[in-house]
Amino acid sequence: MRVPFNNRSEAGKQLATQLEHLRYQDLVIVGLPRGGVPVAFEVAQRLNAPLDVIVVRKLGVPFQPEVGMGAVGEDGIRIVNSAIVDMAAVTSQEFATVEAHERAELERRNHRLRDVWPRLPLEGRVAVVVDDGIATGSTARAACQVAKAHGASRIVLAVPVAPPGWTLDLKDIADEFICLETPSDFRSIGQWYEDFSQIPDTEVLACLDRNRDPSASTSRPSDPAALKTTNQFQEIQIPAGPVTLEGQLTSPAQSLGVIVFAHGSGSSRLSRRNRFVAESLNRAGFTTLLFDLLTAEEEQDRNNVFDIELLGTRLVAATNWLTSQPDTHRLPIGYFGASTGAAAALWAATEPEMRIAAIVSRGGRPDLAAERLRQVTSPTRLIVGGNDQTVLKLNTDALAEIRCESDLIVVDGATHLFEEPGTLAKVGELAGDWFALHLKAIPSPAPSRAADPPTDPFFDRAIEDAEGVEVFERAFSFHGTAEEAAQGFEVFTNPDKAVPPSVLKDGSPGHESYSHPEDAAWATDDEEAKANF
C-alpha cells in the first residue's frame, strides 16, 4: 500500500499547493487541534496568511472511541451522527456521559489556548478550515459551524486525505472542498501517514508562535524552535503524591540557577506571559521550569485553583524533583509566581528544608498566604502594575508583613496582566536583576538543620545569645553559611540597632530590613561584635 505522507508537515506543504488560488484573499487559516495544526501551519506559511485554531472534540463510541458518533465545538456547537449512534446502539445516557467529558476537556483546552493567543476575528473573511484528515466528518462539521457563527464570509474545508464521497454529507457546511487523496480502501486517517504520532499542546502553541506577526504584540514569545538552538528543552513529568504533573524544563549551556514558575488561577505551564518572562530569564542565563500546578481533572474543581496549600505542596514537589536531578541538584533555586501562584510560592518557600534563594511575584496575591508572610526568609520582590490599584494595595500591605529583604516595584501604566507595550519586558528585566543578585551557586547539597547541626564557633555564640532556637534557625535557613547566619541573626534579634543608609524599607515598627547582610553586621555599635565579624 502506498503511503502518501511522511508526516503532517509534509502533508501541509502538499495541501498548500492546491490552495494557491486563495493567496490574495482576506484569509484566516484555521487548524483543528491538535493534529490539524501542523498541517494548517504549512498552509499558512505558504499563503502568507494568519493562523488560528478552532477547538473541537470528537465524541467517540464508548466501546470504540476512535469511531466518532458526533462532536462538540466552541460556543456550544453540538453535532450528532445519528447513523453511528443507532448502529452502535449507544444509549442516551452513554452519549451524555461521553459528551460531558469531552465538553469539559474542550473548555479546558480552549481556555489554555486562548490564554496564550486570543481568537482572530473571522467576520467578513475567508476561513480555510484545515485538519489532518476526515473520517466521519463530525469534527470538521463542528469547526465549520463555529467559523460560520463567527461571521466568516466563505468557508473552505481542506484536508490531505478523506474517504471517497467525503463531501456528500458536508456540502451544506462549506463553500469549497479540497482534498489530496481519497483512497478506495480508506479505513482511518493514520494509515496514510508514516508518522502519525500524537501532537502535544506545546507544538500547537509553537506553530501559532511562529506564524503570528512579531509586530502584533511587544509581549509576543519568541520562536521556540530558535530557542532550542541555544537552550536544551525537555518535556518532563513531576511526581506529586498521587498525581503526575506535566512540565517544561529549558536550560542554557551554562546555568546560573533554576527559576520555577507558579502560574495564576485558570492558567497553566503554557501561559503566554510566563513563557515570555521565562525566555527573558533563559537569555539571562537561568534554567526555567514551567509546570502545571493541577491536573486537568483537578482544574474542574474551582476550589483547587485557590487552594494555596495544595498549590504550594506542588511547588515543593517540583523543587524536590529538581534537587534529585543530576543536571540541577547543585543549582540555586528561585520562584517566580503570578497571581495565586505568587501566594503558593511564598507558602512553599517557608516549608521545612526548602532553601529558596529568591522570590519574584508578578501581579501576585500575597494576601492569600498571609499566615506565612512573617515566616518568609527568601529575598522577595513584588512587581505590580501601576494601574492595578486593588492588587497594589494588597501587595503594599503584604510588604509591611514580610520580615526579610524585600521590595515593591510599581510598573507605570501596567494593568493586572501587563498587556501594555513594554510592560511585560520590564517584568522580565526586573525579575532577572533580582535573581542575578540573589542566586548563588550551592557548594554542596543542603544538610538538614536538625540532623546535621553546624559546629562553627559563630553558631555556638549565636545559639548561646539567642532567646530562642527558632529565631536562629530562621536566620540560618535564609543565609546558609555560618558567618552569614550570625549576621542574619543580628538582624532578627537586634531590631533597635542603628540602620545603615541602604535600608530598603520599613518591615514593621522598630524593625528594618537590610539590602545586604554586611549592612546588618555593621549596623551595631558593639565593638566586640564588630571584631567578631
Protein backbone atom coordinates (compact mmCIF):
# COMPACT_ATOMS: atom_id res chain seq x y z
CA MET A 1 0.00 0.00 0.00
CA ARG A 2 1.37 3.41 -0.94
CA VAL A 3 1.53 5.83 1.99
CA PRO A 4 1.37 9.36 0.51
CA PHE A 5 2.54 11.39 3.54
CA ASN A 6 5.63 11.02 5.70
CA ASN A 7 4.18 13.30 8.38
CA ARG A 8 1.72 16.14 8.90
CA SER A 9 4.21 18.83 7.96
CA GLU A 10 4.79 17.27 4.57
CA ALA A 11 1.05 16.82 4.08
CA GLY A 12 0.53 20.52 4.83
CA LYS A 13 3.11 21.58 2.26
CA GLN A 14 1.44 19.44 -0.39
CA LEU A 15 -2.01 20.71 0.55
CA ALA A 16 -0.84 24.33 0.33
CA THR A 17 -0.04 23.93 -3.37
CA GLN A 18 -3.74 23.28 -4.02
CA LEU A 19 -4.78 26.46 -2.23
CA GLU A 20 -2.67 28.97 -4.15
CA HIS A 21 -5.77 30.47 -5.76
CA LEU A 22 -6.72 31.86 -2.34
CA ARG A 23 -3.43 33.69 -1.75
CA TYR A 24 -4.64 37.24 -2.34
CA GLN A 25 -7.92 36.96 -0.46
CA ASP A 26 -8.50 38.06 3.13
CA LEU A 27 -7.78 34.69 4.73
CA VAL A 28 -7.52 33.11 8.14
CA ILE A 29 -6.13 29.57 8.16
CA VAL A 30 -7.88 27.64 10.93
CA GLY A 31 -6.33 24.39 12.19
CA LEU A 32 -8.15 21.81 14.30
CA PRO A 33 -6.11 20.94 17.40
CA ARG A 34 -4.15 19.07 17.78
CA GLY A 35 -3.30 17.05 14.66
CA GLY A 36 -4.62 19.58 12.16
CA VAL A 37 -2.47 22.46 13.38
CA PRO A 38 0.92 21.38 11.94
CA VAL A 39 -0.86 20.85 8.58
CA ALA A 40 -2.52 24.26 8.81
CA PHE A 41 0.77 25.91 9.78
CA GLU A 42 2.41 24.88 6.49
CA VAL A 43 -0.61 26.15 4.56
CA ALA A 44 -0.48 29.49 6.37
CA GLN A 45 3.26 29.85 5.75
CA ARG A 46 2.89 29.14 2.04
CA LEU A 47 -0.03 31.57 1.62
CA ASN A 48 1.45 34.19 3.96
CA ALA A 49 -1.78 34.11 5.97
CA PRO A 50 -2.54 34.31 9.71
CA LEU A 51 -3.08 31.06 11.60
CA ASP A 52 -5.66 30.36 14.29
CA VAL A 53 -7.41 27.34 15.78
CA ILE A 54 -10.97 26.23 16.41
CA VAL A 55 -11.20 23.76 19.27
CA VAL A 56 -13.47 20.78 18.64
CA ARG A 57 -13.70 17.38 20.32
CA LYS A 58 -14.82 14.11 18.79
CA LEU A 59 -17.47 12.14 20.65
CA GLY A 60 -16.18 8.59 20.41
CA VAL A 61 -18.33 5.48 20.66
CA PRO A 62 -17.89 4.28 24.28
CA PHE A 63 -16.52 0.84 23.42
CA GLN A 64 -14.64 2.03 20.32
CA PRO A 65 -13.63 5.68 20.92
CA GLU A 66 -11.73 6.04 17.66
CA VAL A 67 -15.11 5.93 15.87
CA GLY A 68 -16.86 9.29 16.07
CA MET A 69 -20.57 9.38 16.84
CA GLY A 70 -20.59 13.18 16.95
CA ALA A 71 -18.57 16.22 18.02
CA VAL A 72 -18.70 19.30 20.19
CA GLY A 73 -17.13 22.65 19.42
CA GLU A 74 -16.61 26.12 20.81
CA ASP A 75 -19.65 28.29 21.50
CA GLY A 76 -21.85 25.32 22.34
CA ILE A 77 -21.76 23.70 18.89
CA ARG A 78 -23.01 20.08 19.04
CA ILE A 79 -23.03 17.51 16.24
CA VAL A 80 -24.72 14.08 16.47
CA ASN A 81 -24.16 11.35 13.86
CA SER A 82 -27.42 9.52 14.35
CA ALA A 83 -26.48 6.72 11.95
CA ILE A 84 -23.43 5.73 14.01
CA VAL A 85 -25.28 6.18 17.31
CA ASP A 86 -28.01 3.79 16.11
CA MET A 87 -25.57 1.31 14.56
CA ALA A 88 -23.50 1.17 17.77
CA ALA A 89 -26.63 1.01 19.94
CA VAL A 90 -25.37 3.83 22.16
CA THR A 91 -27.90 4.76 24.84
CA SER A 92 -28.81 8.37 25.61
CA GLN A 93 -27.11 8.05 29.00
CA GLU A 94 -23.89 6.73 27.45
CA PHE A 95 -23.94 9.53 24.90
CA ALA A 96 -24.49 12.16 27.61
CA THR A 97 -21.58 10.80 29.66
CA VAL A 98 -19.18 10.97 26.71
CA GLU A 99 -20.44 14.43 25.76
CA ALA A 100 -19.98 15.82 29.30
CA HIS A 101 -16.41 14.50 29.46
CA GLU A 102 -15.43 15.87 26.05
CA ARG A 103 -17.14 19.20 26.68
CA ALA A 104 -15.09 19.65 29.86
CA GLU A 105 -11.89 18.79 28.00
CA LEU A 106 -12.83 21.21 25.21
CA GLU A 107 -13.35 24.05 27.69
CA ARG A 108 -10.05 23.29 29.42
CA ARG A 109 -8.10 23.19 26.18
CA ASN A 110 -9.81 26.26 24.75
CA HIS A 111 -9.08 28.24 27.89
CA ARG A 112 -5.40 27.31 27.78
CA LEU A 113 -5.03 28.19 24.12
CA ARG A 114 -6.85 31.50 24.46
CA ASP A 115 -4.77 32.41 27.49
CA VAL A 116 -1.79 32.26 25.15
CA TRP A 117 -3.27 33.55 21.88
CA PRO A 118 -6.57 35.49 21.55
CA ARG A 119 -9.01 34.48 18.82
CA LEU A 120 -8.50 36.13 15.41
CA PRO A 121 -11.65 37.80 14.00
CA LEU A 122 -13.34 35.85 11.20
CA GLU A 123 -16.13 38.28 10.34
CA GLY A 124 -16.12 39.08 6.63
CA ARG A 125 -13.06 36.90 5.95
CA VAL A 126 -12.43 33.59 4.22
CA ALA A 127 -11.93 30.81 6.78
CA VAL A 128 -9.81 27.92 5.49
CA VAL A 129 -10.55 25.06 7.90
CA VAL A 130 -7.71 22.52 7.89
CA ASP A 131 -7.40 19.12 9.55
CA ASP A 132 -5.00 16.19 9.06
CA GLY A 133 -7.83 14.17 7.51
CA ILE A 134 -11.52 13.36 7.66
CA ALA A 135 -13.14 10.09 8.72
CA THR A 136 -16.79 10.59 9.74
CA GLY A 137 -16.66 14.37 9.30
CA SER A 138 -18.22 15.26 12.66
CA THR A 139 -15.35 17.41 13.91
CA ALA A 140 -14.99 19.15 10.55
CA ARG A 141 -18.71 19.96 10.57
CA ALA A 142 -18.48 21.36 14.10
CA ALA A 143 -15.48 23.54 13.18
CA CYS A 144 -17.18 24.92 10.08
CA GLN A 145 -20.27 25.77 12.11
CA VAL A 146 -18.11 27.67 14.60
CA ALA A 147 -16.46 29.59 11.74
CA LYS A 148 -19.87 30.43 10.28
CA ALA A 149 -21.15 31.57 13.69
CA HIS A 150 -18.21 33.98 13.90
CA GLY A 151 -19.14 35.64 10.63
CA ALA A 152 -16.83 34.04 8.04
CA SER A 153 -17.94 35.21 4.61
CA ARG A 154 -16.78 31.99 2.97
CA ILE A 155 -15.60 28.62 4.29
CA VAL A 156 -13.07 26.35 2.58
CA LEU A 157 -12.57 22.87 4.05
CA ALA A 158 -9.16 21.43 3.17
CA VAL A 159 -7.62 18.09 4.22
CA PRO A 160 -4.84 15.83 2.91
CA VAL A 161 -6.88 12.62 2.99
CA ALA A 162 -10.54 11.52 3.25
CA PRO A 163 -12.73 8.60 2.16
CA PRO A 164 -14.38 8.61 -1.29
CA GLY A 165 -17.54 10.69 -1.39
CA TRP A 166 -16.48 12.60 1.70
CA THR A 167 -18.18 15.84 0.62
CA LEU A 168 -21.69 14.36 0.26
CA ASP A 169 -22.55 14.76 3.94
CA LEU A 170 -20.69 18.06 4.28
CA LYS A 171 -21.83 20.03 1.24
CA ASP A 172 -24.12 22.20 3.36
CA ILE A 173 -21.40 23.48 5.71
CA ALA A 174 -18.62 24.70 3.36
CA ASP A 175 -18.35 26.62 0.11
CA GLU A 176 -15.31 24.80 -1.27
CA PHE A 177 -13.66 21.43 -0.62
CA ILE A 178 -10.02 20.49 -1.18
CA CYS A 179 -8.55 17.02 -0.64
CA LEU A 180 -5.33 15.46 -1.97
CA GLU A 181 -6.11 11.75 -1.55
CA THR A 182 -9.42 9.82 -1.44
CA PRO A 183 -8.24 6.17 -1.39
CA SER A 184 -10.87 3.49 -2.03
CA ASP A 185 -9.52 1.34 0.81
CA PHE A 186 -9.71 4.16 3.37
CA ARG A 187 -10.16 2.83 6.92
CA SER A 188 -8.58 5.51 9.11
CA ILE A 189 -6.62 8.74 8.76
CA GLY A 190 -3.49 7.40 10.43
CA GLN A 191 -2.95 4.64 7.88
CA TRP A 192 -1.97 7.27 5.29
CA TYR A 193 0.89 8.71 7.33
CA GLU A 194 4.27 7.15 8.06
CA ASP A 195 4.44 9.24 11.23
CA PHE A 196 1.05 9.86 12.83
CA SER A 197 2.28 10.41 16.40
CA GLN A 198 0.26 12.46 18.84
CA ILE A 199 0.79 16.22 18.77
CA PRO A 200 1.39 17.88 22.20
CA ASP A 201 -0.11 21.23 23.17
CA THR A 202 3.38 22.74 23.07
CA GLU A 203 3.65 22.04 19.33
CA VAL A 204 0.27 23.67 18.73
CA LEU A 205 1.47 26.79 20.51
CA ALA A 206 4.81 26.69 18.71
CA CYS A 207 3.00 26.74 15.36
CA LEU A 208 0.95 29.75 16.43
CA ASP A 209 4.04 31.49 17.80
CA ARG A 210 5.99 31.03 14.59
CA ASN A 211 3.13 32.22 12.41
CA ARG A 212 1.98 35.36 14.20
CA ASP A 213 3.48 38.66 13.09
CA PRO A 214 6.21 39.74 15.58
CA SER A 215 4.88 43.32 15.43
CA ALA A 216 1.45 42.20 16.59
CA SER A 217 2.47 42.37 20.27
CA THR A 218 5.52 43.58 22.10
CA SER A 219 4.91 40.76 24.55
CA ARG A 220 4.92 38.04 21.91
CA PRO A 221 7.02 34.99 22.80
CA SER A 222 9.96 34.35 20.55
CA ASP A 223 10.18 31.34 18.27
CA PRO A 224 10.54 28.18 20.41
CA ALA A 225 12.42 26.50 17.56
CA ALA A 226 15.02 29.27 17.62
CA LEU A 227 15.35 28.99 21.38
CA LYS A 228 16.12 25.31 21.06
CA THR A 229 19.25 26.08 19.06
CA THR A 230 20.89 27.58 22.16
CA ASN A 231 18.87 26.04 25.01
CA GLN A 232 18.11 22.46 25.92
CA PHE A 233 14.34 21.95 26.04
CA GLN A 234 12.74 18.99 27.81
CA GLU A 235 9.15 17.88 28.33
CA ILE A 236 9.15 16.40 31.82
CA GLN A 237 6.83 14.74 34.31
CA ILE A 238 6.94 15.57 38.01
CA PRO A 239 5.61 13.09 40.58
CA ALA A 240 3.48 14.86 43.17
CA GLY A 241 1.88 12.37 45.53
CA PRO A 242 -0.94 10.56 43.74
CA VAL A 243 -0.65 12.63 40.53
CA THR A 244 1.91 13.38 37.84
CA LEU A 245 2.35 16.96 36.61
CA GLU A 246 3.42 17.97 33.10
CA GLY A 247 6.28 20.44 32.79
CA GLN A 248 8.83 22.08 30.51
CA LEU A 249 12.46 22.48 31.56
CA THR A 250 14.60 24.85 29.47
CA SER A 251 18.32 25.08 30.22
CA PRO A 252 21.05 27.32 28.76
CA ALA A 253 24.51 25.88 28.23
CA GLN A 254 25.84 27.45 31.44
CA SER A 255 23.11 27.91 34.02
CA LEU A 256 23.19 30.39 36.91
CA GLY A 257 20.27 28.71 38.67
CA VAL A 258 16.75 27.39 38.21
CA ILE A 259 13.63 29.55 38.27
CA VAL A 260 10.43 27.62 38.99
CA PHE A 261 7.26 29.29 37.69
CA ALA A 262 3.96 29.12 39.56
CA HIS A 263 1.14 30.16 37.25
CA GLY A 264 -2.00 32.01 38.24
CA SER A 265 -5.57 30.82 38.56
CA GLY A 266 -7.00 29.25 35.42
CA SER A 267 -3.63 29.27 33.66
CA SER A 268 -1.03 26.56 33.03
CA ARG A 269 2.56 25.89 32.00
CA LEU A 270 1.56 27.25 28.58
CA SER A 271 0.81 30.76 29.87
CA ARG A 272 1.96 33.23 27.22
CA ARG A 273 3.03 35.80 29.80
CA ASN A 274 5.03 33.37 31.91
CA ARG A 275 6.67 31.91 28.82
CA PHE A 276 7.69 35.39 27.73
CA VAL A 277 9.32 36.10 31.09
CA ALA A 278 10.89 32.62 31.11
CA GLU A 279 12.54 33.25 27.75
CA SER A 280 13.91 36.54 29.08
CA LEU A 281 15.41 34.64 32.02
CA ASN A 282 16.80 31.95 29.70
CA ARG A 283 18.65 34.65 27.78
CA ALA A 284 19.99 35.95 31.10
CA GLY A 285 21.48 32.51 31.81
CA PHE A 286 18.83 30.87 34.00
CA THR A 287 17.20 27.47 33.65
CA THR A 288 13.40 27.71 33.84
CA LEU A 289 10.78 25.18 34.88
CA LEU A 290 7.17 25.81 33.88
CA PHE A 291 4.74 23.14 35.03
CA ASP A 292 1.04 22.58 35.67
CA LEU A 293 0.17 23.01 39.33
CA LEU A 294 -3.00 20.97 38.84
CA THR A 295 -4.07 18.07 36.64
CA ALA A 296 -6.85 18.53 34.09
CA GLU A 297 -9.28 16.75 36.41
CA GLU A 298 -8.30 18.87 39.41
CA GLU A 299 -8.84 22.07 37.43
CA GLN A 300 -12.52 21.23 37.08
CA ASP A 301 -12.96 21.97 40.79
CA ARG A 302 -12.56 25.75 41.13
CA ASN A 303 -11.81 25.35 44.84
CA ASN A 304 -8.47 23.77 43.89
CA VAL A 305 -7.45 26.88 41.94
CA PHE A 306 -7.46 28.90 45.18
CA ASP A 307 -6.19 26.16 47.49
CA ILE A 308 -2.84 27.77 48.29
CA GLU A 309 -1.68 24.88 50.45
CA LEU A 310 -2.35 22.41 47.64
CA LEU A 311 -0.59 24.63 45.09
CA GLY A 312 2.29 25.18 47.49
CA THR A 313 2.80 21.45 48.02
CA ARG A 314 3.02 21.05 44.24
CA LEU A 315 5.80 23.65 44.18
CA VAL A 316 7.58 21.74 46.91
CA ALA A 317 7.27 18.55 44.84
CA ALA A 318 8.75 20.32 41.80
CA THR A 319 11.59 21.68 43.92
CA ASN A 320 12.34 18.24 45.33
CA TRP A 321 12.33 16.84 41.80
CA LEU A 322 14.90 19.43 40.71
CA THR A 323 17.17 18.63 43.63
CA SER A 324 17.08 14.94 42.65
CA GLN A 325 18.16 15.53 39.04
CA PRO A 326 21.87 15.33 38.13
CA ASP A 327 21.79 18.49 36.00
CA THR A 328 20.03 20.71 38.53
CA HIS A 329 20.66 19.35 42.01
CA ARG A 330 23.59 21.73 42.67
CA LEU A 331 21.90 24.85 41.25
CA PRO A 332 20.27 27.51 43.44
CA ILE A 333 16.52 27.76 43.02
CA GLY A 334 14.22 30.78 42.77
CA TYR A 335 10.45 31.08 42.48
CA PHE A 336 8.51 33.29 40.04
CA GLY A 337 4.82 33.45 40.90
CA ALA A 338 1.90 35.16 39.17
CA SER A 339 -1.45 35.92 40.81
CA THR A 340 -2.37 32.97 43.06
CA GLY A 341 0.91 31.35 42.06
CA ALA A 342 2.75 34.06 43.98
CA ALA A 343 0.92 33.07 47.16
CA ALA A 344 1.83 29.43 46.51
CA ALA A 345 5.49 30.44 46.07
CA LEU A 346 5.56 32.30 49.38
CA TRP A 347 3.85 29.36 51.10
CA ALA A 348 6.21 26.77 49.63
CA ALA A 349 9.34 28.79 50.45
CA THR A 350 8.52 28.58 54.16
CA GLU A 351 8.22 24.80 54.22
CA PRO A 352 10.91 22.85 56.15
CA GLU A 353 14.08 22.06 54.17
CA MET A 354 13.11 24.44 51.34
CA ARG A 355 16.13 26.62 50.50
CA ILE A 356 14.74 29.10 48.01
CA ALA A 357 17.28 31.75 47.08
CA ALA A 358 14.80 34.42 45.93
CA ILE A 359 11.16 35.01 45.03
CA VAL A 360 9.62 37.33 42.43
CA SER A 361 5.87 37.99 42.28
CA ARG A 362 4.10 39.44 39.21
CA GLY A 363 0.67 40.85 39.92
CA GLY A 364 0.62 38.48 42.86
CA ARG A 365 -1.85 37.77 45.64
CA PRO A 366 0.44 37.53 48.66
CA ASP A 367 -2.59 38.16 50.87
CA LEU A 368 -3.66 34.58 50.16
CA ALA A 369 -0.55 33.44 52.05
CA ALA A 370 -0.97 35.99 54.84
CA GLU A 371 -0.29 33.49 57.63
CA ARG A 372 3.13 32.68 56.13
CA LEU A 373 4.40 36.16 55.26
CA ARG A 374 6.30 36.72 58.51
CA GLN A 375 8.00 33.34 58.06
CA VAL A 376 9.40 34.13 54.61
CA THR A 377 13.20 34.33 54.64
CA SER A 378 13.86 34.32 50.87
CA PRO A 379 14.56 37.78 49.40
CA THR A 380 11.27 38.77 47.80
CA ARG A 381 10.45 41.26 45.05
CA LEU A 382 6.81 42.21 44.45
CA ILE A 383 6.05 43.63 40.97
CA VAL A 384 2.66 45.27 40.42
CA GLY A 385 1.12 47.30 37.62
CA GLY A 386 0.58 50.97 38.42
CA ASN A 387 -2.99 50.77 37.14
CA ASP A 388 -3.77 47.61 39.12
CA GLN A 389 -4.91 49.52 42.20
CA THR A 390 -6.59 46.69 44.11
CA VAL A 391 -3.61 44.35 43.81
CA LEU A 392 -1.21 47.21 44.50
CA LYS A 393 -2.92 47.80 47.87
CA LEU A 394 -2.72 44.07 48.69
CA ASN A 395 0.99 44.00 47.88
CA THR A 396 1.70 47.16 49.85
CA ASP A 397 0.07 45.61 52.89
CA ALA A 398 1.96 42.34 52.36
CA LEU A 399 5.29 44.17 52.10
CA ALA A 400 4.79 45.52 55.63
CA GLU A 401 4.44 41.95 56.91
CA ILE A 402 7.50 40.41 55.24
CA ARG A 403 10.49 40.46 57.59
CA CYS A 404 13.31 39.57 55.20
CA GLU A 405 14.88 41.59 52.39
CA SER A 406 12.08 42.66 50.07
CA ASP A 407 10.87 45.46 47.85
CA LEU A 408 7.86 46.54 45.84
CA ILE A 409 8.30 47.75 42.26
CA VAL A 410 5.43 49.52 40.50
CA VAL A 411 5.45 49.37 36.69
CA ASP A 412 3.86 52.58 35.45
CA GLY A 413 0.96 52.23 33.03
CA ALA A 414 0.59 48.46 33.52
CA THR A 415 -2.66 46.72 34.36
CA HIS A 416 -3.00 43.37 36.08
CA LEU A 417 -1.95 41.22 33.11
CA PHE A 418 0.86 43.54 31.92
CA GLU A 419 -0.54 43.56 28.39
CA GLU A 420 0.55 47.13 27.65
CA PRO A 421 3.53 47.58 25.28
CA GLY A 422 6.85 47.09 27.03
CA THR A 423 5.43 46.31 30.47
CA LEU A 424 5.97 42.55 30.40
CA ALA A 425 9.51 43.07 29.10
CA LYS A 426 10.07 45.31 32.14
CA VAL A 427 8.90 42.47 34.40
CA GLY A 428 11.45 40.15 32.78
CA GLU A 429 14.20 42.71 33.34
CA LEU A 430 13.25 43.30 36.99
CA ALA A 431 12.99 39.58 37.69
CA GLY A 432 16.34 38.88 36.03
CA ASP A 433 18.06 41.58 38.10
CA TRP A 434 16.65 40.21 41.36
CA PHE A 435 17.58 36.61 40.61
CA ALA A 436 21.06 37.59 39.41
CA LEU A 437 21.61 39.39 42.71
CA HIS A 438 20.46 36.57 44.96
CA LEU A 439 21.06 33.24 43.24
CA LYS A 440 24.50 31.95 44.09
CA ALA A 441 25.98 28.53 43.42
CA ILE A 442 25.35 25.91 46.09
CA PRO A 443 28.67 24.29 47.05
CA SER A 444 27.03 21.10 48.35
CA PRO A 445 23.56 19.71 48.96
CA ALA A 446 21.80 21.46 51.83
CA PRO A 447 22.00 19.46 55.07
CA SER A 448 19.07 19.04 57.41
CA ARG A 449 19.36 21.61 60.17
CA ALA A 450 18.12 19.16 62.79
CA ALA A 451 20.16 16.15 61.66
CA ASP A 452 23.48 17.88 60.99
CA PRO A 453 23.96 20.98 63.19
CA PRO A 454 26.94 23.22 62.39
CA THR A 455 29.97 23.17 64.69
CA ASP A 456 31.39 26.59 63.76
CA PRO A 457 32.13 28.81 66.83
CA PHE A 458 29.97 31.52 65.31
CA PHE A 459 26.98 29.21 65.67
CA ASP A 460 27.90 28.40 69.27
CA ARG A 461 27.99 32.08 70.20
CA ALA A 462 24.77 32.83 68.35
CA ILE A 463 22.91 29.92 69.95
CA GLU A 464 24.07 30.98 73.43
CA ASP A 465 22.89 34.53 72.81
CA ALA A 466 19.61 33.66 71.11
CA GLU A 467 16.44 33.92 73.13
CA GLY A 468 15.06 31.02 71.12
CA VAL A 469 16.47 28.45 68.69
CA GLU A 470 13.62 29.19 66.27
CA VAL A 471 14.95 32.68 65.62
CA PHE A 472 18.43 31.37 64.93
CA GLU A 473 17.17 28.61 62.61
CA ARG A 474 15.27 31.25 60.71
CA ALA A 475 18.46 33.23 60.15
CA PHE A 476 20.36 30.09 59.14
CA SER A 477 17.69 28.98 56.64
CA PHE A 478 17.88 32.42 54.98
CA HIS A 479 21.64 32.88 54.79
CA GLY A 480 23.10 29.38 54.59
CA THR A 481 26.69 29.82 55.83
CA ALA A 482 27.88 30.13 59.42
CA GLU A 483 29.10 33.71 59.15
CA GLU A 484 26.09 34.83 57.14
CA ALA A 485 23.78 33.14 59.64
CA ALA A 486 25.30 35.07 62.51
CA GLN A 487 24.94 38.27 60.51
CA GLY A 488 21.33 37.44 59.80
CA PHE A 489 20.89 36.58 63.47
CA GLU A 490 21.87 40.15 64.36
CA VAL A 491 19.11 41.42 62.04
CA PHE A 492 16.42 39.29 63.64
CA THR A 493 17.41 39.72 67.31
CA ASN A 494 18.59 43.35 67.38
CA PRO A 495 15.78 45.37 65.78
CA ASP A 496 16.75 48.58 67.60
CA LYS A 497 20.33 48.80 66.32
CA ALA A 498 21.42 51.63 64.03
CA VAL A 499 20.21 51.38 60.45
CA PRO A 500 22.63 51.88 57.51
CA PRO A 501 21.73 54.08 54.51
CA SER A 502 20.98 51.10 52.23
CA VAL A 503 17.83 50.04 54.09
CA LEU A 504 15.18 49.04 51.56
CA LYS A 505 12.02 49.60 53.58
CA ASP A 506 10.30 49.61 56.93
CA GLY A 507 9.44 45.99 57.68
CA SER A 508 7.42 46.80 60.81
CA PRO A 509 7.55 49.29 63.68
CA GLY A 510 11.08 49.24 65.11
CA HIS A 511 12.36 46.60 62.68
CA GLU A 512 14.25 47.31 59.46
CA SER A 513 15.28 45.03 56.59
CA TYR A 514 18.74 45.37 55.07
CA SER A 515 19.73 45.20 51.42
CA HIS A 516 22.93 43.28 52.23
CA PRO A 517 23.92 41.09 55.20
CA GLU A 518 27.09 43.21 55.66
CA ASP A 519 24.91 46.21 56.46
CA ALA A 520 23.22 44.25 59.22
CA ALA A 521 26.58 43.25 60.70
CA TRP A 522 27.99 46.76 60.77
CA ALA A 523 24.78 48.44 61.92
CA THR A 524 25.73 47.61 65.52
CA ASP A 525 27.64 49.91 67.87
CA ASP A 526 29.04 46.92 69.74
CA GLU A 527 32.82 46.96 69.08
CA GLU A 528 33.21 43.38 70.31
CA ALA A 529 30.62 42.22 67.81
CA LYS A 530 32.40 44.14 65.05
CA ALA A 531 35.64 42.43 65.96
CA ASN A 532 33.99 39.06 65.64
CA PHE A 533 32.87 39.95 62.12
